[in-house]
Amino acid sequence: MHTDQALIFFALLFAIVSRATAAQGQSSSAPLTNVPLRTAANESDVLSELAGTSEISAEADSLSALSTPPPRGITVSFNTGSQHDSSNGWTTLLTPYVAYRFNPHFSVDSSVPLYLGINVDANVGTKSKPVYAYASKNGTFGDTSISLHGDWSIPFVSYTATGSMGVPSGNSKFGLGAGQLTYSVNNHFERELGRFTPDLELGFGDTSQLVNLTLVKSYITVGPMAHFQVGTSIDLPLRMSLDAEAFEELPLDNNLVYSTTGSGKKKVTTSANIDPAEDNGFIVSLEVPITHTFTISSYYNRSLRDHDDLAGFSFNFLLTAPSKAKMP
């Protein structure tokens, strides 16, 4: 999929969401200030909506929940934290999140990372005569991500479709951006089984950067690739949650690899084969809600192919959440 095809894809997806939202608004026969008659048909809908809105604060504690914000409203939060990459040292980020839900099925969110401190290994020479300089950079932005989500409950599982676009706001010279528009399409399936919620993800795109926004890897790939993930989340006491996943990022063609690693494992180059961009391993994360507006998260990523370890912690602050629905 080329850049123009990616733009057409997101335009069509946005048109579908807008049409669904408009249809929902036309289906309401009474203004919001009127009190509708309670019937057996609409009572279950009311109770269902109240159940969702009563958990607004708890859902907003999680970064993953920001991709599916509470019904009909805007959610604003920001995340700050640090992580250590065994090949690149420490990185400190500040990431604001804005999400809006149009209706029970469709939502959109956006975020842009600000690197408060990161070690880069960038080419300060030319393409023909590269000269790599390793230094620490402060106050540099990464690529902006914009994602559109669709949520449905189908027999036996819950399904979420996500289309993401990366806007080249990051500095590609330092390896912090792809240098072009990128896209990713993901299909997420999960089934709640008591405290366990097994999940499966299948997707494709032209970058690994949009697959997991929590992790900041020491390189960015640009090129056609598929990604797979399987694992489970576990509900723990005190509203804590543990998530364990195994992943595979599989390039489908030659990939352009941007690097910020100090050890030079993956430098800015067009690879002669697809191996340098492939990655697989596992991710383990733990979320600990402190209050309804403050959550502490920690995570660990092990790359089996690159023999690289990445561990970090973050603090998530909820700034704005949708108002709770009123009982008709």
C-alpha atoms as a PDB file:
ATOM      1  CA  MET A   1       0.000   0.000   0.000  1.00  0.00           C
ATOM      2  CA  HIS A   2       1.488   3.334  -1.085  1.00  0.00           C
ATOM      3  CA  THR A   3       0.994   6.669   0.661  1.00  0.00           C
ATOM      4  CA  ASP A   4      -1.943   7.720  -1.560  1.00  0.00           C
ATOM      5  CA  GLN A   5      -3.636   4.363  -0.941  1.00  0.00           C
ATOM      6  CA  ALA A   6      -3.147   4.792   2.799  1.00  0.00           C
ATOM      7  CA  LEU A   7      -4.764   8.245   2.662  1.00  0.00           C
ATOM      8  CA  ILE A   8      -7.727   6.845   0.670  1.00  0.00           C
ATOM      9  CA  PHE A   9      -8.099   4.042   3.252  1.00  0.00           C
ATOM     10  CA  PHE A  10      -8.297   6.466   6.192  1.00  0.00           C
ATOM     11  CA  ALA A  11     -10.650   8.787   4.275  1.00  0.00           C
ATOM     12  CA  LEU A  12     -13.070   5.915   3.608  1.00  0.00           C
ATOM     13  CA  LEU A  13     -12.841   4.704   7.200  1.00  0.00           C
ATOM     14  CA  PHE A  14     -13.562   8.197   8.532  1.00  0.00           C
ATOM     15  CA  ALA A  15     -16.524   8.507   6.155  1.00  0.00           C
ATOM     16  CA  ILE A  16     -17.985   5.260   7.524  1.00  0.00           C
ATOM     17  CA  VAL A  17     -17.651   6.529  11.102  1.00  0.00           C
ATOM     18  CA  SER A  18     -19.238   9.877  10.234  1.00  0.00           C
ATOM     19  CA  ARG A  19     -22.151   8.172   8.480  1.00  0.00           C
ATOM     20  CA  ALA A  20     -22.711   5.859  11.463  1.00  0.00           C
ATOM     21  CA  THR A  21     -22.636   8.803  13.855  1.00  0.00           C
ATOM     22  CA  ALA A  22     -25.096  10.796  11.754  1.00  0.00           C
ATOM     23  CA  ALA A  23     -27.456   7.843  11.517  1.00  0.00           C
ATOM     24  CA  GLN A  24     -27.409   7.433  15.274  1.00  0.00           C
ATOM     25  CA  GLY A  25     -28.266  11.107  15.773  1.00  0.00           C
ATOM     26  CA  GLN A  26     -31.205  10.913  13.328  1.00  0.00           C
ATOM     27  CA  SER A  27     -32.616   7.842  15.068  1.00  0.00           C
ATOM     28  CA  SER A  28     -33.362   9.840  18.239  1.00  0.00           C
ATOM     29  CA  SER A  29     -36.894  11.286  18.078  1.00  0.00           C
ATOM     30  CA  ALA A  30     -36.724  13.416  21.252  1.00  0.00           C
ATOM     31  CA  PRO A  31     -34.306  16.197  22.226  1.00  0.00           C
ATOM     32  CA  LEU A  32     -31.807  15.597  25.003  1.00  0.00           C
ATOM     33  CA  THR A  33     -33.768  17.785  27.412  1.00  0.00           C
ATOM     34  CA  ASN A  34     -36.859  15.525  27.160  1.00  0.00           C
ATOM     35  CA  VAL A  35     -37.305  12.453  29.321  1.00  0.00           C
ATOM     36  CA  PRO A  36     -38.082   9.375  27.186  1.00  0.00           C
ATOM     37  CA  LEU A  37     -40.624   6.802  28.305  1.00  0.00           C
ATOM     38  CA  ARG A  38     -39.025   3.747  29.818  1.00  0.00           C
ATOM     39  CA  THR A  39     -39.906   0.536  28.043  1.00  0.00           C
ATOM     40  CA  ALA A  40     -38.592  -3.003  28.187  1.00  0.00           C
ATOM     41  CA  ALA A  41     -36.755  -2.327  24.923  1.00  0.00           C
ATOM     42  CA  ASN A  42     -34.852   0.765  26.004  1.00  0.00           C
ATOM     43  CA  GLU A  43     -34.303  -0.153  29.656  1.00  0.00           C
ATOM     44  CA  SER A  44     -31.627  -2.701  28.785  1.00  0.00           C
ATOM     45  CA  ASP A  45     -29.850  -0.093  26.630  1.00  0.00           C
ATOM     46  CA  VAL A  46     -29.948   2.417  29.500  1.00  0.00           C
ATOM     47  CA  LEU A  47     -28.551  -0.081  31.988  1.00  0.00           C
ATOM     48  CA  SER A  48     -25.870  -1.112  29.515  1.00  0.00           C
ATOM     49  CA  GLU A  49     -24.761   2.492  29.012  1.00  0.00           C
ATOM     50  CA  LEU A  50     -24.739   3.169  32.745  1.00  0.00           C
ATOM     51  CA  ALA A  51     -22.593   0.104  33.307  1.00  0.00           C
ATOM     52  CA  GLY A  52     -20.063   1.441  30.832  1.00  0.00           C
ATOM     53  CA  THR A  53     -20.021   4.982  32.158  1.00  0.00           C
ATOM     54  CA  SER A  54     -19.690   3.857  35.769  1.00  0.00           C
ATOM     55  CA  GLU A  55     -16.259   2.449  34.869  1.00  0.00           C
ATOM     56  CA  ILE A  56     -14.992   5.538  33.062  1.00  0.00           C
ATOM     57  CA  SER A  57     -12.337   6.349  35.630  1.00  0.00           C
ATOM     58  CA  ALA A  58     -11.148   2.769  35.950  1.00  0.00           C
ATOM     59  CA  GLU A  59     -10.847   2.338  32.169  1.00  0.00           C
ATOM     60  CA  ALA A  60      -9.028   5.634  31.746  1.00  0.00           C
ATOM     61  CA  ASP A  61      -6.375   4.495  34.223  1.00  0.00           C
ATOM     62  CA  SER A  62      -4.979   2.203  31.535  1.00  0.00           C
ATOM     63  CA  LEU A  63      -3.075   3.417  28.487  1.00  0.00           C
ATOM     64  CA  SER A  64      -4.623   0.629  26.453  1.00  0.00           C
ATOM     65  CA  ALA A  65      -8.079   1.830  27.483  1.00  0.00           C
ATOM     66  CA  LEU A  66      -7.392   5.201  25.872  1.00  0.00           C
ATOM     67  CA  SER A  67      -7.708   3.513  22.492  1.00  0.00           C
ATOM     68  CA  THR A  68     -11.324   2.661  23.408  1.00  0.00           C
ATOM     69  CA  PRO A  69     -12.567   5.678  25.423  1.00  0.00           C
ATOM     70  CA  PRO A  70     -15.886   5.666  27.329  1.00  0.00           C
ATOM     71  CA  PRO A  71     -19.127   6.163  25.342  1.00  0.00           C
ATOM     72  CA  ARG A  72     -19.832   9.508  23.672  1.00  0.00           C
ATOM     73  CA  GLY A  73     -17.152  11.843  24.907  1.00  0.00           C
ATOM     74  CA  ILE A  74     -13.584  13.042  24.991  1.00  0.00           C
ATOM     75  CA  THR A  75     -10.748  11.700  27.131  1.00  0.00           C
ATOM     76  CA  VAL A  76      -7.526  13.637  27.691  1.00  0.00           C
ATOM     77  CA  SER A  77      -4.515  12.339  29.604  1.00  0.00           C
ATOM     78  CA  PHE A  78      -0.761  12.372  29.503  1.00  0.00           C
ATOM     79  CA  ASN A  79       1.861   9.779  30.224  1.00  0.00           C
ATOM     80  CA  THR A  80       5.388  10.329  31.461  1.00  0.00           C
ATOM     81  CA  GLY A  81       8.021   7.747  32.172  1.00  0.00           C
ATOM     82  CA  SER A  82      11.464   6.304  31.526  1.00  0.00           C
ATOM     83  CA  GLN A  83      12.741   3.108  29.995  1.00  0.00           C
ATOM     84  CA  HIS A  84      16.124   1.426  29.628  1.00  0.00           C
ATOM     85  CA  ASP A  85      17.213  -0.324  26.440  1.00  0.00           C
ATOM     86  CA  SER A  86      20.206  -2.648  26.788  1.00  0.00           C
ATOM     87  CA  SER A  87      21.502  -1.379  23.422  1.00  0.00           C
ATOM     88  CA  ASN A  88      20.681   2.312  23.830  1.00  0.00           C
ATOM     89  CA  GLY A  89      20.576   3.301  27.492  1.00  0.00           C
ATOM     90  CA  TRP A  90      17.895   5.459  29.109  1.00  0.00           C
ATOM     91  CA  THR A  91      15.036   7.276  27.375  1.00  0.00           C
ATOM     92  CA  THR A  92      12.585   9.685  29.042  1.00  0.00           C
ATOM     93  CA  LEU A  93       9.297  10.584  27.367  1.00  0.00           C
ATOM     94  CA  LEU A  94       6.237  12.749  27.829  1.00  0.00           C
ATOM     95  CA  THR A  95       3.229  11.689  25.731  1.00  0.00           C
ATOM     96  CA  PRO A  96      -0.179  13.457  25.673  1.00  0.00           C
ATOM     97  CA  TYR A  97      -3.249  11.442  24.597  1.00  0.00           C
ATOM     98  CA  VAL A  98      -6.559  12.703  23.230  1.00  0.00           C
ATOM     99  CA  ALA A  99      -9.408  10.286  22.462  1.00  0.00           C
ATOM    100  CA  TYR A 100     -13.009  10.768  21.362  1.00  0.00           C
ATOM    101  CA  ARG A 101     -15.808   8.203  21.090  1.00  0.00           C
ATOM    102  CA  PHE A 102     -18.470   8.918  18.478  1.00  0.00           C
ATOM    103  CA  ASN A 103     -20.852   6.106  19.493  1.00  0.00           C
ATOM    104  CA  PRO A 104     -20.703   2.648  21.138  1.00  0.00           C
ATOM    105  CA  HIS A 105     -18.793   1.238  18.149  1.00  0.00           C
ATOM    106  CA  PHE A 106     -16.409   3.895  16.821  1.00  0.00           C
ATOM    107  CA  SER A 107     -13.698   6.021  18.417  1.00  0.00           C
ATOM    108  CA  VAL A 108     -10.569   7.941  17.414  1.00  0.00           C
ATOM    109  CA  ASP A 109      -7.426   8.859  19.343  1.00  0.00           C
ATOM    110  CA  SER A 110      -4.134  10.620  18.775  1.00  0.00           C
ATOM    111  CA  SER A 111      -0.789  10.980  20.548  1.00  0.00           C
ATOM    112  CA  VAL A 112       2.672  12.427  19.916  1.00  0.00           C
ATOM    113  CA  PRO A 113       5.761  11.517  21.990  1.00  0.00           C
ATOM    114  CA  LEU A 114       8.148  14.175  23.236  1.00  0.00           C
ATOM    115  CA  TYR A 115      11.619  12.788  23.971  1.00  0.00           C
ATOM    116  CA  LEU A 116      12.846  14.636  27.045  1.00  0.00           C
ATOM    117  CA  GLY A 117      16.069  12.664  26.784  1.00  0.00           C
ATOM    118  CA  ILE A 118      17.288   9.988  24.345  1.00  0.00           C
ATOM    119  CA  ASN A 119      20.593   8.706  23.004  1.00  0.00           C
ATOM    120  CA  VAL A 120      20.850   8.799  19.201  1.00  0.00           C
ATOM    121  CA  ASP A 121      23.361   7.466  16.715  1.00  0.00           C
ATOM    122  CA  ALA A 122      22.594   9.516  13.609  1.00  0.00           C
ATOM    123  CA  ASN A 123      24.342  10.005  10.288  1.00  0.00           C
ATOM    124  CA  VAL A 124      25.810  13.523  10.262  1.00  0.00           C
ATOM    125  CA  GLY A 125      27.565  12.903   6.952  1.00  0.00           C
ATOM    126  CA  THR A 126      26.085  11.962   3.567  1.00  0.00           C
ATOM    127  CA  LYS A 127      24.422   8.819   2.270  1.00  0.00           C
ATOM    128  CA  SER A 128      27.491   7.925   0.220  1.00  0.00           C
ATOM    129  CA  LYS A 129      29.887   8.756   3.047  1.00  0.00           C
ATOM    130  CA  PRO A 130      27.989   8.244   6.312  1.00  0.00           C
ATOM    131  CA  VAL A 131      29.476   9.581   9.532  1.00  0.00           C
ATOM    132  CA  TYR A 132      27.725   8.419  12.698  1.00  0.00           C
ATOM    133  CA  ALA A 133      27.765  10.560  15.829  1.00  0.00           C
ATOM    134  CA  TYR A 134      26.486   9.249  19.161  1.00  0.00           C
ATOM    135  CA  ALA A 135      24.992  11.901  21.436  1.00  0.00           C
ATOM    136  CA  SER A 136      22.105  12.643  23.791  1.00  0.00           C
ATOM    137  CA  LYS A 137      19.195  14.706  22.447  1.00  0.00           C
ATOM    138  CA  ASN A 138      16.583  16.592  24.488  1.00  0.00           C
ATOM    139  CA  GLY A 139      13.187  18.059  23.606  1.00  0.00           C
ATOM    140  CA  THR A 140      12.716  16.206  20.306  1.00  0.00           C
ATOM    141  CA  PHE A 141       9.328  15.023  18.987  1.00  0.00           C
ATOM    142  CA  GLY A 142       8.510  11.655  17.484  1.00  0.00           C
ATOM    143  CA  ASP A 143       5.944  10.790  14.820  1.00  0.00           C
ATOM    144  CA  THR A 144       2.304  11.616  15.573  1.00  0.00           C
ATOM    145  CA  SER A 145      -0.105   8.666  15.554  1.00  0.00           C
ATOM    146  CA  ILE A 146      -3.805   8.882  14.664  1.00  0.00           C
ATOM    147  CA  SER A 147      -5.952   5.774  15.132  1.00  0.00           C
ATOM    148  CA  LEU A 148      -9.555   4.900  14.301  1.00  0.00           C
ATOM    149  CA  HIS A 149     -11.172   2.006  16.207  1.00  0.00           C
ATOM    150  CA  GLY A 150     -14.263  -0.111  15.703  1.00  0.00           C
ATOM    151  CA  ASP A 151     -15.532  -2.348  18.530  1.00  0.00           C
ATOM    152  CA  TRP A 152     -18.054  -5.173  18.174  1.00  0.00           C
ATOM    153  CA  SER A 153     -19.180  -8.161  20.228  1.00  0.00           C
ATOM    154  CA  ILE A 154     -19.430 -11.213  18.002  1.00  0.00           C
ATOM    155  CA  PRO A 155     -20.251 -14.795  19.074  1.00  0.00           C
ATOM    156  CA  PHE A 156     -17.821 -15.997  21.754  1.00  0.00           C
ATOM    157  CA  VAL A 157     -15.331 -13.109  21.357  1.00  0.00           C
ATOM    158  CA  SER A 158     -14.955  -9.336  21.375  1.00  0.00           C
ATOM    159  CA  TYR A 159     -13.449  -7.841  18.233  1.00  0.00           C
ATOM    160  CA  THR A 160     -11.643  -4.528  17.704  1.00  0.00           C
ATOM    161  CA  ALA A 161     -10.490  -3.281  14.306  1.00  0.00           C
ATOM    162  CA  THR A 162      -7.901  -0.485  14.306  1.00  0.00           C
ATOM    163  CA  GLY A 163      -6.558   1.598  11.449  1.00  0.00           C
ATOM    164  CA  SER A 164      -3.573   3.770  12.382  1.00  0.00           C
ATOM    165  CA  MET A 165      -1.646   6.435  10.510  1.00  0.00           C
ATOM    166  CA  GLY A 166       1.756   7.852  11.421  1.00  0.00           C
ATOM    167  CA  VAL A 167       2.370  11.513  10.570  1.00  0.00           C
ATOM    168  CA  PRO A 168       6.091  12.339  10.028  1.00  0.00           C
ATOM    169  CA  SER A 169       6.516  14.890  12.820  1.00  0.00           C
ATOM    170  CA  GLY A 170       9.592  13.124  14.212  1.00  0.00           C
ATOM    171  CA  ASN A 171      13.214  13.804  13.331  1.00  0.00           C
ATOM    172  CA  SER A 172      14.194  11.031  10.899  1.00  0.00           C
ATOM    173  CA  LYS A 173      17.817  12.221  10.920  1.00  0.00           C
ATOM    174  CA  PHE A 174      18.020  11.125  14.548  1.00  0.00           C
ATOM    175  CA  GLY A 175      16.032   7.953  13.882  1.00  0.00           C
ATOM    176  CA  LEU A 176      12.976   9.277  15.753  1.00  0.00           C
ATOM    177  CA  GLY A 177      10.642   9.324  12.757  1.00  0.00           C
ATOM    178  CA  ALA A 178       9.889   7.358   9.624  1.00  0.00           C
ATOM    179  CA  GLY A 179      10.264  10.402   7.364  1.00  0.00           C
ATOM    180  CA  GLN A 180       6.996   9.626   5.558  1.00  0.00           C
ATOM    181  CA  LEU A 181       3.343   8.784   6.163  1.00  0.00           C
ATOM    182  CA  THR A 182       2.987   5.279   7.557  1.00  0.00           C
ATOM    183  CA  TYR A 183       0.013   3.035   8.300  1.00  0.00           C
ATOM    184  CA  SER A 184      -0.990  -0.049  10.246  1.00  0.00           C
ATOM    185  CA  VAL A 185      -4.154  -2.187  10.296  1.00  0.00           C
ATOM    186  CA  ASN A 186      -4.777  -4.441  13.295  1.00  0.00           C
ATOM    187  CA  ASN A 187      -7.414  -7.050  14.219  1.00  0.00           C
ATOM    188  CA  HIS A 188      -7.771  -7.800  17.930  1.00  0.00           C
ATOM    189  CA  PHE A 189      -9.809 -10.727  19.295  1.00  0.00           C
ATOM    190  CA  GLU A 190     -10.316 -11.513  22.996  1.00  0.00           C
ATOM    191  CA  ARG A 191     -12.498 -13.690  25.220  1.00  0.00           C
ATOM    192  CA  GLU A 192     -13.090 -13.093  28.914  1.00  0.00           C
ATOM    193  CA  LEU A 193     -12.760 -16.284  31.001  1.00  0.00           C
ATOM    194  CA  GLY A 194     -13.059 -15.301  34.628  1.00  0.00           C
ATOM    195  CA  ARG A 195      -9.897 -13.478  35.668  1.00  0.00           C
ATOM    196  CA  PHE A 196      -8.197 -14.401  32.389  1.00  0.00           C
ATOM    197  CA  THR A 197      -8.774 -12.683  29.041  1.00  0.00           C
ATOM    198  CA  PRO A 198      -6.877 -14.476  26.243  1.00  0.00           C
ATOM    199  CA  ASP A 199      -6.284 -12.377  23.135  1.00  0.00           C
ATOM    200  CA  LEU A 200      -5.033 -12.704  19.564  1.00  0.00           C
ATOM    201  CA  GLU A 201      -3.845  -9.960  17.198  1.00  0.00           C
ATOM    202  CA  LEU A 202      -3.239 -10.138  13.451  1.00  0.00           C
ATOM    203  CA  GLY A 203      -2.274  -7.154  11.325  1.00  0.00           C
ATOM    204  CA  PHE A 204      -0.180  -5.621   8.598  1.00  0.00           C
ATOM    205  CA  GLY A 205       1.300  -2.243   7.677  1.00  0.00           C
ATOM    206  CA  ASP A 206       4.512  -0.554   6.599  1.00  0.00           C
ATOM    207  CA  THR A 207       6.077   0.127  10.013  1.00  0.00           C
ATOM    208  CA  SER A 208       6.489  -1.556  13.386  1.00  0.00           C
ATOM    209  CA  GLN A 209       6.309   1.795  15.160  1.00  0.00           C
ATOM    210  CA  LEU A 210       2.474   1.836  15.213  1.00  0.00           C
ATOM    211  CA  VAL A 211       2.065  -1.704  16.567  1.00  0.00           C
ATOM    212  CA  ASN A 212       2.842  -0.956  20.221  1.00  0.00           C
ATOM    213  CA  LEU A 213       3.051   2.726  21.129  1.00  0.00           C
ATOM    214  CA  THR A 214       4.053   2.060  24.741  1.00  0.00           C
ATOM    215  CA  LEU A 215       7.441   0.637  23.766  1.00  0.00           C
ATOM    216  CA  VAL A 216      10.035   2.932  22.182  1.00  0.00           C
ATOM    217  CA  LYS A 217      12.418   0.659  20.315  1.00  0.00           C
ATOM    218  CA  SER A 218      15.889   1.701  19.217  1.00  0.00           C
ATOM    219  CA  TYR A 219      14.955   1.571  15.533  1.00  0.00           C
ATOM    220  CA  ILE A 220      12.083   2.296  13.148  1.00  0.00           C
ATOM    221  CA  THR A 221      11.276   0.104  10.147  1.00  0.00           C
ATOM    222  CA  VAL A 222       9.640   1.303   6.945  1.00  0.00           C
ATOM    223  CA  GLY A 223       8.382  -1.338   4.540  1.00  0.00           C
ATOM    224  CA  PRO A 224       5.583  -3.912   4.153  1.00  0.00           C
ATOM    225  CA  MET A 225       5.364  -6.168   7.179  1.00  0.00           C
ATOM    226  CA  ALA A 226       2.914  -8.353   9.091  1.00  0.00           C
ATOM    227  CA  HIS A 227       2.624  -8.585  12.863  1.00  0.00           C
ATOM    228  CA  PHE A 228       1.185 -11.245  15.167  1.00  0.00           C
ATOM    229  CA  GLN A 229       0.585 -11.334  18.908  1.00  0.00           C
ATOM    230  CA  VAL A 230      -0.975 -13.843  21.299  1.00  0.00           C
ATOM    231  CA  GLY A 231      -1.270 -13.846  25.075  1.00  0.00           C
ATOM    232  CA  THR A 232      -3.568 -13.077  27.976  1.00  0.00           C
ATOM    233  CA  SER A 233      -4.329 -10.453  30.593  1.00  0.00           C
ATOM    234  CA  ILE A 234      -4.966 -11.412  34.201  1.00  0.00           C
ATOM    235  CA  ASP A 235      -7.102  -9.470  36.677  1.00  0.00           C
ATOM    236  CA  LEU A 236      -5.300  -9.163  40.002  1.00  0.00           C
ATOM    237  CA  PRO A 237      -6.499  -7.894  43.406  1.00  0.00           C
ATOM    238  CA  LEU A 238      -6.838  -4.140  43.981  1.00  0.00           C
ATOM    239  CA  ARG A 239      -7.818  -3.592  40.313  1.00  0.00           C
ATOM    240  CA  MET A 240      -4.270  -4.422  39.170  1.00  0.00           C
ATOM    241  CA  SER A 241      -3.767  -6.091  35.796  1.00  0.00           C
ATOM    242  CA  LEU A 242      -0.954  -8.265  34.427  1.00  0.00           C
ATOM    243  CA  ASP A 243      -0.553  -8.762  30.686  1.00  0.00           C
ATOM    244  CA  ALA A 244       1.770 -11.267  28.984  1.00  0.00           C
ATOM    245  CA  GLU A 245       2.155 -11.428  25.194  1.00  0.00           C
ATOM    246  CA  ALA A 246       4.344 -13.187  22.607  1.00  0.00           C
ATOM    247  CA  PHE A 247       4.873 -11.274  19.349  1.00  0.00           C
ATOM    248  CA  GLU A 248       6.315 -11.611  15.860  1.00  0.00           C
ATOM    249  CA  GLU A 249       7.082  -8.787  13.415  1.00  0.00           C
ATOM    250  CA  LEU A 250       7.655 -10.293   9.982  1.00  0.00           C
ATOM    251  CA  PRO A 251       8.933  -8.149   7.077  1.00  0.00           C
ATOM    252  CA  LEU A 252       7.415  -8.990   3.693  1.00  0.00           C
ATOM    253  CA  ASP A 253       9.993  -7.129   1.583  1.00  0.00           C
ATOM    254  CA  ASN A 254      13.243  -5.165   1.865  1.00  0.00           C
ATOM    255  CA  ASN A 255      12.961  -2.652   4.710  1.00  0.00           C
ATOM    256  CA  LEU A 256      14.513   0.699   5.434  1.00  0.00           C
ATOM    257  CA  VAL A 257      15.793   0.621   9.001  1.00  0.00           C
ATOM    258  CA  TYR A 258      16.381   3.785  11.049  1.00  0.00           C
ATOM    259  CA  SER A 259      18.489   3.452  14.176  1.00  0.00           C
ATOM    260  CA  THR A 260      19.005   5.362  17.422  1.00  0.00           C
ATOM    261  CA  THR A 261      21.179   2.660  18.995  1.00  0.00           C
ATOM    262  CA  GLY A 262      24.549   3.592  20.389  1.00  0.00           C
ATOM    263  CA  SER A 263      25.952   0.118  19.777  1.00  0.00           C
ATOM    264  CA  GLY A 264      25.009   0.337  16.091  1.00  0.00           C
ATOM    265  CA  LYS A 265      23.001  -2.868  15.888  1.00  0.00           C
ATOM    266  CA  LYS A 266      20.723  -1.383  13.230  1.00  0.00           C
ATOM    267  CA  LYS A 267      21.906   1.687  11.368  1.00  0.00           C
ATOM    268  CA  VAL A 268      20.226   3.798   8.680  1.00  0.00           C
ATOM    269  CA  THR A 269      20.433   1.552   5.655  1.00  0.00           C
ATOM    270  CA  THR A 270      18.402  -0.225   3.008  1.00  0.00           C
ATOM    271  CA  SER A 271      18.898  -3.858   3.861  1.00  0.00           C
ATOM    272  CA  ALA A 272      19.870  -6.338   1.157  1.00  0.00           C
ATOM    273  CA  ASN A 273      17.534  -8.852   2.803  1.00  0.00           C
ATOM    274  CA  ILE A 274      14.593  -8.764   5.163  1.00  0.00           C
ATOM    275  CA  ASP A 275      16.353 -10.187   8.222  1.00  0.00           C
ATOM    276  CA  PRO A 276      17.507  -6.949   9.945  1.00  0.00           C
ATOM    277  CA  ALA A 277      13.946  -5.682  10.397  1.00  0.00           C
ATOM    278  CA  GLU A 278      12.455  -8.935  11.736  1.00  0.00           C
ATOM    279  CA  ASP A 279      11.779  -9.088  15.451  1.00  0.00           C
ATOM    280  CA  ASN A 280      10.125 -11.491  17.868  1.00  0.00           C
ATOM    281  CA  GLY A 281       9.954 -12.060  21.588  1.00  0.00           C
ATOM    282  CA  PHE A 282       7.585 -11.354  24.456  1.00  0.00           C
ATOM    283  CA  ILE A 283       6.172  -8.415  26.413  1.00  0.00           C
ATOM    284  CA  VAL A 284       5.042  -8.419  30.062  1.00  0.00           C
ATOM    285  CA  SER A 285       3.333  -5.401  31.633  1.00  0.00           C
ATOM    286  CA  LEU A 286       1.760  -4.599  35.008  1.00  0.00           C
ATOM    287  CA  GLU A 287      -0.712  -1.783  35.702  1.00  0.00           C
ATOM    288  CA  VAL A 288      -1.351  -0.561  39.252  1.00  0.00           C
ATOM    289  CA  PRO A 289      -4.178   1.994  39.689  1.00  0.00           C
ATOM    290  CA  ILE A 290      -3.394   4.342  42.569  1.00  0.00           C
ATOM    291  CA  THR A 291      -6.470   6.571  42.200  1.00  0.00           C
ATOM    292  CA  HIS A 292      -9.186   6.954  39.564  1.00  0.00           C
ATOM    293  CA  THR A 293      -6.996   9.478  37.750  1.00  0.00           C
ATOM    294  CA  PHE A 294      -3.501   8.137  38.391  1.00  0.00           C
ATOM    295  CA  THR A 295      -1.974   4.814  37.338  1.00  0.00           C
ATOM    296  CA  ILE A 296       1.554   3.426  37.540  1.00  0.00           C
ATOM    297  CA  SER A 297       2.648   0.999  34.820  1.00  0.00           C
ATOM    298  CA  SER A 298       5.758  -1.097  34.339  1.00  0.00           C
ATOM    299  CA  TYR A 299       6.770  -3.295  31.411  1.00  0.00           C
ATOM    300  CA  TYR A 300       9.512  -5.560  30.114  1.00  0.00           C
ATOM    301  CA  ASN A 301      10.223  -6.475  26.489  1.00  0.00           C
ATOM    302  CA  ARG A 302      12.635  -9.222  25.441  1.00  0.00           C
ATOM    303  CA  SER A 303      13.684  -9.393  21.792  1.00  0.00           C
ATOM    304  CA  LEU A 304      14.773 -12.951  21.042  1.00  0.00           C
ATOM    305  CA  ARG A 305      16.076 -12.071  17.601  1.00  0.00           C
ATOM    306  CA  ASP A 306      18.093  -8.974  18.558  1.00  0.00           C
ATOM    307  CA  HIS A 307      19.052 -10.266  22.033  1.00  0.00           C
ATOM    308  CA  ASP A 308      17.841  -6.938  23.385  1.00  0.00           C
ATOM    309  CA  ASP A 309      16.127  -6.132  26.696  1.00  0.00           C
ATOM    310  CA  LEU A 310      13.861  -3.140  27.257  1.00  0.00           C
ATOM    311  CA  ALA A 311      12.308  -2.310  30.638  1.00  0.00           C
ATOM    312  CA  GLY A 312      10.543   0.786  31.874  1.00  0.00           C
ATOM    313  CA  PHE A 313       7.918   2.406  34.046  1.00  0.00           C
ATOM    314  CA  SER A 314       5.424   5.187  33.433  1.00  0.00           C
ATOM    315  CA  PHE A 315       2.871   7.373  35.202  1.00  0.00           C
ATOM    316  CA  ASN A 316      -0.486   8.018  33.572  1.00  0.00           C
ATOM    317  CA  PHE A 317      -2.564  11.056  34.597  1.00  0.00           C
ATOM    318  CA  LEU A 318      -6.201  11.410  33.541  1.00  0.00           C
ATOM    319  CA  LEU A 319      -7.075  15.052  32.898  1.00  0.00           C
ATOM    320  CA  THR A 320     -10.544  14.943  31.333  1.00  0.00           C
ATOM    321  CA  ALA A 321     -13.124  12.187  31.055  1.00  0.00           C
ATOM    322  CA  PRO A 322     -16.717  12.168  29.695  1.00  0.00           C
ATOM    323  CA  SER A 323     -19.487  13.083  32.132  1.00  0.00           C
ATOM    324  CA  LYS A 324     -21.485  10.191  33.506  1.00  0.00           C
ATOM    325  CA  ALA A 325     -24.783   9.519  31.748  1.00  0.00           C
ATOM    326  CA  LYS A 326     -27.963  10.620  33.480  1.00  0.00           C
ATOM    327  CA  MET A 327     -30.708   8.089  34.248  1.00  0.00           C
ATOM    328  CA  PRO A 328     -33.780   8.714  32.034  1.00  0.00           C
END
